[in-house]
C-alpha atoms as a PDB file:
ATOM      1  CA  UNK A   1      64.599 144.225  76.541  1.00  0.00           C
ATOM      2  CA  UNK A   2      62.663 141.409  77.848  1.00  0.00           C
ATOM      3  CA  UNK A   3      58.669 141.633  77.236  1.00  0.00           C
ATOM      4  CA  UNK A   4      57.597 138.809  79.214  1.00  0.00           C
ATOM      5  CA  UNK A   5      59.875 140.204  82.307  1.00  0.00           C
ATOM      6  CA  UNK A   6      58.149 143.925  81.777  1.00  0.00           C
ATOM      7  CA  UNK A   7      54.774 141.666  81.542  1.00  0.00           C
ATOM      8  CA  UNK A   8      55.547 140.410  84.912  1.00  0.00           C
ATOM      9  CA  UNK A   9      57.000 143.452  86.834  1.00  0.00           C
ATOM     10  CA  UNK A  10      53.428 145.346  85.356  1.00  0.00           C
ATOM     11  CA  UNK A  11      51.824 142.442  87.018  1.00  0.00           C
ATOM     12  CA  UNK A  12      53.455 142.816  90.310  1.00  0.00           C
ATOM     13  CA  UNK A  13      52.626 145.980  90.345  1.00  0.00           C
ATOM     14  CA  UNK A  14      49.146 146.149  89.314  1.00  0.00           C
ATOM     15  CA  UNK A  15      48.870 142.852  92.159  1.00  0.00           C
ATOM     16  CA  UNK A  16      50.156 145.368  94.641  1.00  0.00           C
ATOM     17  CA  UNK A  17      48.421 148.554  94.291  1.00  0.00           C
ATOM     18  CA  UNK A  18      45.042 146.318  94.303  1.00  0.00           C
ATOM     19  CA  UNK A  19      45.909 144.805  97.403  1.00  0.00           C
ATOM     20  CA  UNK A  20      46.696 149.016  99.169  1.00  0.00           C
ATOM     21  CA  UNK A  21      43.207 149.496  97.405  1.00  0.00           C
ATOM     22  CA  UNK A  22      40.987 151.501 100.284  1.00  0.00           C
END
């Protein structure tokens, strides 16, 4: 498992969630 890839994915998901916040 690549830690860097996981970190990148988590960051992307967080950005996506913050974008669709009310």
